[in-house]
Amino acid sequence: MFEAENLRDWIGLPVVDLAGDKIGQLESVYFDTSSDSPSFATVQAGLVGKKLLFVPLDGAVVAPKHVKVQFDKKLVKDAPSIETDGELEASQEADVFAHYGLPYALGAGGERRLGRR
C-alpha cells in the first residue's frame, strides 16, 4: 500500500491498468472507515455520459504521471459506478467489493466501510 500524505496531488492523474492502458482520470479516494487507509478510488471514464467507476487501491503504484492499479481495464470498466455528481449509497458498498472478489463487512458498530475524501 502507498502513503496517502499527498492525496490531493493525485486527483486528476490518469489511472492505468497493469498493462499501462489508460482507464480514466482519478476523481476521488474512498477511505476504509475502520482503518482510515485509502481503499478505493473513483475513476472518471467515458467521453459521453461520464461516470465514476470504483477500483481498489490495494497494490496501486503512484508515479509522477499516473496511478497504476492492479486490475485489468475491462474489469474496472464493468465495475459498479455512480454519476459524476453522485454519492455511493450504503446499499451499493457490498456490490463494489464483490465485483473485485473482495470480502465485505460493515464496521464494528454497523457503520459504512467507505468514506469519501
Protein backbone atom coordinates (compact mmCIF):
# COMPACT_ATOMS: atom_id res chain seq x y z
CA MET A 1 0.00 0.00 0.00
CA PHE A 2 1.14 3.55 -0.56
CA GLU A 3 1.20 6.50 1.77
CA ALA A 4 -1.66 8.94 1.43
CA GLU A 5 0.12 12.10 2.53
CA ASN A 6 -0.13 13.88 -0.83
CA LEU A 7 -3.55 12.60 -1.77
CA ARG A 8 -4.77 15.88 -3.26
CA ASP A 9 -1.83 15.85 -5.66
CA TRP A 10 -3.12 12.65 -7.27
CA ILE A 11 -6.56 13.99 -8.21
CA GLY A 12 -6.76 14.37 -11.99
CA LEU A 13 -3.91 11.97 -12.74
CA PRO A 14 -4.51 9.29 -15.36
CA VAL A 15 -5.31 5.86 -13.92
CA VAL A 16 -3.80 2.95 -15.83
CA ASP A 17 -4.02 -0.83 -15.52
CA LEU A 18 -1.08 -3.24 -15.20
CA ALA A 19 -0.51 -3.17 -18.97
CA GLY A 20 -0.38 0.65 -18.93
CA ASP A 21 -3.76 1.04 -20.66
CA LYS A 22 -5.50 4.23 -19.56
CA ILE A 23 -8.77 3.67 -17.71
CA GLY A 24 -9.63 7.30 -16.94
CA GLN A 25 -8.71 10.07 -14.51
CA LEU A 26 -8.57 9.85 -10.72
CA GLU A 27 -11.56 11.74 -9.35
CA SER A 28 -11.62 10.92 -5.63
CA VAL A 29 -10.45 8.48 -2.98
CA TYR A 30 -12.59 6.48 -0.59
CA PHE A 31 -11.08 5.52 2.75
CA ASP A 32 -11.80 2.46 4.86
CA THR A 33 -13.60 3.96 7.85
CA SER A 34 -12.19 1.38 10.27
CA SER A 35 -8.51 1.73 9.35
CA ASP A 36 -8.51 5.26 7.85
CA SER A 37 -6.47 3.96 4.91
CA PRO A 38 -7.19 4.57 1.21
CA SER A 39 -9.29 1.68 -0.04
CA PHE A 40 -10.94 2.57 -3.37
CA ALA A 41 -10.65 5.31 -5.96
CA THR A 42 -13.24 6.59 -8.34
CA VAL A 43 -12.08 6.96 -11.91
CA GLN A 44 -13.86 9.30 -14.30
CA ALA A 45 -14.33 7.39 -17.52
CA GLY A 46 -16.19 7.78 -20.78
CA LEU A 47 -16.42 10.54 -23.32
CA VAL A 48 -20.19 10.83 -23.40
CA GLY A 49 -22.26 10.34 -20.27
CA LYS A 50 -19.23 10.27 -18.00
CA LYS A 51 -19.45 8.15 -14.88
CA LEU A 52 -17.29 7.35 -11.88
CA LEU A 53 -16.03 3.76 -11.66
CA PHE A 54 -14.76 2.20 -8.44
CA VAL A 55 -11.35 0.49 -8.37
CA PRO A 56 -9.48 -0.91 -5.35
CA LEU A 57 -6.25 0.84 -4.40
CA ASP A 58 -4.65 -2.24 -2.85
CA GLY A 59 -1.26 -2.60 -4.54
CA ALA A 60 -1.64 0.63 -6.51
CA VAL A 61 1.52 2.46 -7.52
CA VAL A 62 1.69 6.24 -7.73
CA ALA A 63 4.09 7.52 -10.37
CA PRO A 64 4.79 11.13 -11.34
CA LYS A 65 2.40 10.98 -14.30
CA HIS A 66 -0.16 8.29 -13.41
CA VAL A 67 -1.63 5.93 -10.83
CA LYS A 68 -1.27 2.26 -11.76
CA VAL A 69 -3.89 -0.11 -10.32
CA GLN A 70 -3.64 -3.89 -10.08
CA PHE A 71 -6.81 -4.59 -12.05
CA ASP A 72 -7.44 -5.02 -15.77
CA LYS A 73 -9.09 -2.16 -17.64
CA LYS A 74 -12.04 -4.34 -18.72
CA LEU A 75 -12.76 -5.40 -15.13
CA VAL A 76 -12.68 -1.78 -13.98
CA LYS A 77 -14.90 -0.64 -16.87
CA ASP A 78 -17.51 -3.23 -15.76
CA ALA A 79 -17.32 -2.13 -12.10
CA PRO A 80 -20.19 -0.54 -10.20
CA SER A 81 -20.37 3.19 -10.91
CA ILE A 82 -22.05 6.38 -9.83
CA GLU A 83 -22.90 9.59 -11.67
CA THR A 84 -20.16 12.24 -11.66
CA ASP A 85 -22.19 14.27 -9.16
CA GLY A 86 -23.48 11.21 -7.30
CA GLU A 87 -22.72 9.55 -3.99
CA LEU A 88 -22.10 5.91 -3.20
CA GLU A 89 -25.17 4.61 -1.40
CA ALA A 90 -24.62 2.39 1.65
CA SER A 91 -26.59 -0.36 -0.09
CA GLN A 92 -24.08 -0.32 -3.01
CA GLU A 93 -20.91 -0.82 -0.96
CA ALA A 94 -21.12 -4.61 -0.86
CA ASP A 95 -21.52 -4.72 -4.68
CA VAL A 96 -18.32 -2.69 -5.15
CA PHE A 97 -16.32 -5.16 -3.03
CA ALA A 98 -17.99 -8.21 -4.60
CA HIS A 99 -17.17 -7.08 -8.14
CA TYR A 100 -13.47 -7.48 -7.32
CA GLY A 101 -13.92 -10.62 -5.20
CA LEU A 102 -13.03 -8.76 -2.02
CA PRO A 103 -14.55 -9.53 1.39
CA TYR A 104 -17.04 -7.01 2.75
CA ALA A 105 -18.26 -6.43 6.27
CA LEU A 106 -19.81 -3.44 7.99
CA GLY A 107 -17.81 -1.69 10.68
CA ALA A 108 -17.93 -2.96 14.28
CA GLY A 109 -20.80 -0.59 15.08
CA GLY A 110 -22.65 -1.28 11.81
CA GLU A 111 -21.18 1.79 10.13
CA ARG A 112 -20.32 2.05 6.46
CA ARG A 113 -16.94 0.79 5.28
CA LEU A 114 -16.14 3.54 2.78
CA GLY A 115 -15.93 7.27 3.27
CA ARG A 116 -15.07 9.77 0.53
CA ARG A 117 -12.40 12.43 0.96
